[in-house]
Amino acid sequence: MGRCCRNDMGYPLTHLNWDVGEHWCEHCTDGTKYVDPLLLWLLTQTRNKGYDTFDSCVVAAASAHAAKKIHPRGDRFWDGGAWADENGNRSPSWMAADGFGWARDAEDVTATLIGTADSSIKPGVLCASFNAG
């Protein structure tokens, strides 16, 4: 059985639009694809440095494109214009000015393939490096 595009919290990661895979998820109505197994990606960014920022994280995702849309906090995703919460709500610009301690735009994130995830791993953040101040 393949992996569903939804995570344990039930919100759709369909907004990440997996861009690789051969199967369609039966729970999705937007034609989103899923793959099995997921791939492991090291995400890095250098645009937002200093204290109280993330410099990297490891995520499980079907593609580099999908991986770069996952925020290291694990509770936000890139919706094409801003970091949004699990309900698709964008935060006020004054709150999101620093990308919530991450890159302000998914295009500023670098994704490096580091492996293949175990079949028990679900899409999302596995670990993150946060520089607390």
C-alpha atoms as a PDB file:
ATOM      1  CA  MET A   1       0.000   0.000   0.000  1.00  0.00           C
ATOM      2  CA  GLY A   2       1.258   3.461  -0.802  1.00  0.00           C
ATOM      3  CA  ARG A   3       1.573   6.398   1.504  1.00  0.00           C
ATOM      4  CA  CYS A   4      -1.313   8.851   1.822  1.00  0.00           C
ATOM      5  CA  CYS A   5      -0.752  12.546   1.299  1.00  0.00           C
ATOM      6  CA  ARG A   6      -2.209  13.291   4.749  1.00  0.00           C
ATOM      7  CA  ASN A   7      -0.166  13.369   7.918  1.00  0.00           C
ATOM      8  CA  ASP A   8      -1.113  12.206  11.424  1.00  0.00           C
ATOM      9  CA  MET A   9      -2.829  15.508  12.232  1.00  0.00           C
ATOM     10  CA  GLY A  10      -5.178  14.961   9.318  1.00  0.00           C
ATOM     11  CA  TYR A  11      -4.402  18.103   7.395  1.00  0.00           C
ATOM     12  CA  PRO A  12      -3.608  17.634   3.755  1.00  0.00           C
ATOM     13  CA  LEU A  13      -0.072  17.868   2.561  1.00  0.00           C
ATOM     14  CA  THR A  14      -1.719  17.825  -0.838  1.00  0.00           C
ATOM     15  CA  HIS A  15      -0.849  21.497  -1.048  1.00  0.00           C
ATOM     16  CA  LEU A  16       2.733  20.324  -1.487  1.00  0.00           C
ATOM     17  CA  ASN A  17       1.694  18.654  -4.769  1.00  0.00           C
ATOM     18  CA  TRP A  18       4.058  15.711  -4.918  1.00  0.00           C
ATOM     19  CA  ASP A  19       5.696  15.947  -8.328  1.00  0.00           C
ATOM     20  CA  VAL A  20       6.871  12.345  -8.598  1.00  0.00           C
ATOM     21  CA  GLY A  21       5.049   9.065  -8.206  1.00  0.00           C
ATOM     22  CA  GLU A  22       2.905   6.634 -10.087  1.00  0.00           C
ATOM     23  CA  HIS A  23      -0.192   6.350  -7.912  1.00  0.00           C
ATOM     24  CA  TRP A  24      -3.079   8.622  -7.017  1.00  0.00           C
ATOM     25  CA  CYS A  25      -4.153   8.984  -3.414  1.00  0.00           C
ATOM     26  CA  GLU A  26      -7.706   7.761  -2.888  1.00  0.00           C
ATOM     27  CA  HIS A  27      -8.319  10.453  -0.236  1.00  0.00           C
ATOM     28  CA  CYS A  28      -7.481  13.376  -2.488  1.00  0.00           C
ATOM     29  CA  THR A  29      -9.774  14.995  -4.982  1.00  0.00           C
ATOM     30  CA  ASP A  30      -7.173  17.282  -6.546  1.00  0.00           C
ATOM     31  CA  GLY A  31      -5.203  14.591  -8.381  1.00  0.00           C
ATOM     32  CA  THR A  32      -2.282  14.629  -5.959  1.00  0.00           C
ATOM     33  CA  LYS A  33       0.241  11.824  -6.394  1.00  0.00           C
ATOM     34  CA  TYR A  34       1.999   9.844  -3.715  1.00  0.00           C
ATOM     35  CA  VAL A  35       5.054   7.645  -3.755  1.00  0.00           C
ATOM     36  CA  ASP A  36       6.302   4.822  -1.629  1.00  0.00           C
ATOM     37  CA  PRO A  37       8.857   4.951  -0.183  1.00  0.00           C
ATOM     38  CA  LEU A  38       9.425   8.596   0.592  1.00  0.00           C
ATOM     39  CA  LEU A  39      12.846  10.147   0.178  1.00  0.00           C
ATOM     40  CA  LEU A  40      14.949  11.852   2.858  1.00  0.00           C
ATOM     41  CA  TRP A  41      16.055  15.417   2.188  1.00  0.00           C
ATOM     42  CA  LEU A  42      18.477  17.720   3.994  1.00  0.00           C
ATOM     43  CA  LEU A  43      17.043  21.237   3.783  1.00  0.00           C
ATOM     44  CA  THR A  44      19.312  24.229   4.335  1.00  0.00           C
ATOM     45  CA  GLN A  45      18.950  27.988   4.076  1.00  0.00           C
ATOM     46  CA  THR A  46      21.370  30.869   4.505  1.00  0.00           C
ATOM     47  CA  ARG A  47      19.033  33.854   4.049  1.00  0.00           C
ATOM     48  CA  ASN A  48      17.908  34.083   7.672  1.00  0.00           C
ATOM     49  CA  LYS A  49      20.883  33.632  10.011  1.00  0.00           C
ATOM     50  CA  GLY A  50      21.590  34.370  13.622  1.00  0.00           C
ATOM     51  CA  TYR A  51      19.817  33.614  16.877  1.00  0.00           C
ATOM     52  CA  ASP A  52      16.365  32.056  17.006  1.00  0.00           C
ATOM     53  CA  THR A  53      16.565  30.708  13.469  1.00  0.00           C
ATOM     54  CA  PHE A  54      16.657  27.295  11.818  1.00  0.00           C
ATOM     55  CA  ASP A  55      19.703  26.584   9.663  1.00  0.00           C
ATOM     56  CA  SER A  56      18.692  23.111   8.493  1.00  0.00           C
ATOM     57  CA  CYS A  57      16.358  20.179   8.906  1.00  0.00           C
ATOM     58  CA  VAL A  58      15.793  16.673   7.579  1.00  0.00           C
ATOM     59  CA  VAL A  59      12.409  15.932   6.043  1.00  0.00           C
ATOM     60  CA  ALA A  60      10.662  13.008   4.374  1.00  0.00           C
ATOM     61  CA  ALA A  61       9.024  13.946   1.087  1.00  0.00           C
ATOM     62  CA  ALA A  62       8.440  12.531  -2.359  1.00  0.00           C
ATOM     63  CA  SER A  63      10.528  15.147  -4.187  1.00  0.00           C
ATOM     64  CA  ALA A  64      12.865  18.090  -3.685  1.00  0.00           C
ATOM     65  CA  HIS A  65      10.042  20.375  -4.803  1.00  0.00           C
ATOM     66  CA  ALA A  66       7.723  19.034  -2.093  1.00  0.00           C
ATOM     67  CA  ALA A  67      10.483  18.961   0.549  1.00  0.00           C
ATOM     68  CA  LYS A  68      11.304  22.652   0.113  1.00  0.00           C
ATOM     69  CA  LYS A  69       7.696  23.524   0.982  1.00  0.00           C
ATOM     70  CA  ILE A  70       7.935  21.982   4.464  1.00  0.00           C
ATOM     71  CA  HIS A  71       8.853  24.394   7.291  1.00  0.00           C
ATOM     72  CA  PRO A  72      11.264  23.046   9.974  1.00  0.00           C
ATOM     73  CA  ARG A  73       8.696  23.872  12.677  1.00  0.00           C
ATOM     74  CA  GLY A  74       6.537  21.126  11.228  1.00  0.00           C
ATOM     75  CA  ASP A  75       3.333  23.131  11.534  1.00  0.00           C
ATOM     76  CA  ARG A  76       3.648  25.256   8.395  1.00  0.00           C
ATOM     77  CA  PHE A  77       3.919  24.714   4.656  1.00  0.00           C
ATOM     78  CA  TRP A  78       4.663  26.972   1.695  1.00  0.00           C
ATOM     79  CA  ASP A  79       1.422  27.704  -0.127  1.00  0.00           C
ATOM     80  CA  GLY A  80       3.051  29.423  -3.082  1.00  0.00           C
ATOM     81  CA  GLY A  81       3.163  32.876  -1.556  1.00  0.00           C
ATOM     82  CA  ALA A  82       3.664  32.546   2.186  1.00  0.00           C
ATOM     83  CA  TRP A  83       4.151  30.074   5.023  1.00  0.00           C
ATOM     84  CA  ALA A  84       0.683  28.914   6.080  1.00  0.00           C
ATOM     85  CA  ASP A  85      -0.614  26.773   8.932  1.00  0.00           C
ATOM     86  CA  GLU A  86      -2.334  23.412   8.605  1.00  0.00           C
ATOM     87  CA  ASN A  87      -5.644  25.130   7.785  1.00  0.00           C
ATOM     88  CA  GLY A  88      -4.089  27.184   5.002  1.00  0.00           C
ATOM     89  CA  ASN A  89      -4.176  30.379   7.078  1.00  0.00           C
ATOM     90  CA  ARG A  90      -1.336  32.790   6.438  1.00  0.00           C
ATOM     91  CA  SER A  91       0.035  34.733   9.390  1.00  0.00           C
ATOM     92  CA  PRO A  92       0.077  38.536   9.357  1.00  0.00           C
ATOM     93  CA  SER A  93       3.106  39.836   7.471  1.00  0.00           C
ATOM     94  CA  TRP A  94       4.637  41.375  10.594  1.00  0.00           C
ATOM     95  CA  MET A  95       4.676  37.914  12.208  1.00  0.00           C
ATOM     96  CA  ALA A  96       6.082  36.162   9.157  1.00  0.00           C
ATOM     97  CA  ALA A  97       8.674  38.801   8.266  1.00  0.00           C
ATOM     98  CA  ASP A  98      11.520  36.483   9.232  1.00  0.00           C
ATOM     99  CA  GLY A  99       9.965  33.333   7.758  1.00  0.00           C
ATOM    100  CA  PHE A 100       9.243  32.090  11.273  1.00  0.00           C
ATOM    101  CA  GLY A 101      12.987  31.649  11.796  1.00  0.00           C
ATOM    102  CA  TRP A 102      13.462  30.066   8.358  1.00  0.00           C
ATOM    103  CA  ALA A 103      13.805  31.270   4.783  1.00  0.00           C
ATOM    104  CA  ARG A 104      11.172  33.844   3.837  1.00  0.00           C
ATOM    105  CA  ASP A 105      10.491  31.974   0.577  1.00  0.00           C
ATOM    106  CA  ALA A 106      10.686  28.278  -0.351  1.00  0.00           C
ATOM    107  CA  GLU A 107      12.875  29.267  -3.321  1.00  0.00           C
ATOM    108  CA  ASP A 108      15.597  30.209  -0.806  1.00  0.00           C
ATOM    109  CA  VAL A 109      15.709  26.638   0.516  1.00  0.00           C
ATOM    110  CA  THR A 110      18.209  24.077  -0.810  1.00  0.00           C
ATOM    111  CA  ALA A 111      17.151  20.413  -0.808  1.00  0.00           C
ATOM    112  CA  THR A 112      19.829  17.696  -0.930  1.00  0.00           C
ATOM    113  CA  LEU A 113      18.801  14.056  -1.311  1.00  0.00           C
ATOM    114  CA  ILE A 114      20.349  12.004   1.500  1.00  0.00           C
ATOM    115  CA  GLY A 115      18.494   8.689   1.371  1.00  0.00           C
ATOM    116  CA  THR A 116      15.295   6.683   1.266  1.00  0.00           C
ATOM    117  CA  ALA A 117      12.890   6.649   4.194  1.00  0.00           C
ATOM    118  CA  ASP A 118      11.763   3.495   5.959  1.00  0.00           C
ATOM    119  CA  SER A 119       8.195   2.547   5.075  1.00  0.00           C
ATOM    120  CA  SER A 120       7.083   3.553   8.597  1.00  0.00           C
ATOM    121  CA  ILE A 121       8.113   7.203   8.047  1.00  0.00           C
ATOM    122  CA  LYS A 122       5.381   9.704   7.196  1.00  0.00           C
ATOM    123  CA  PRO A 123       5.865  12.955   5.225  1.00  0.00           C
ATOM    124  CA  GLY A 124       7.211  15.834   7.281  1.00  0.00           C
ATOM    125  CA  VAL A 125      10.043  16.971   9.532  1.00  0.00           C
ATOM    126  CA  LEU A 126      12.245  14.297  11.149  1.00  0.00           C
ATOM    127  CA  CYS A 127      14.689  16.623  12.923  1.00  0.00           C
ATOM    128  CA  ALA A 128      15.692  20.290  12.795  1.00  0.00           C
ATOM    129  CA  SER A 129      18.642  22.456  13.817  1.00  0.00           C
ATOM    130  CA  PHE A 130      17.497  25.576  15.687  1.00  0.00           C
ATOM    131  CA  ASN A 131      19.968  28.252  16.839  1.00  0.00           C
ATOM    132  CA  ALA A 132      18.406  29.472  20.077  1.00  0.00           C
ATOM    133  CA  GLY A 133      19.476  32.844  21.374  1.00  0.00           C
END
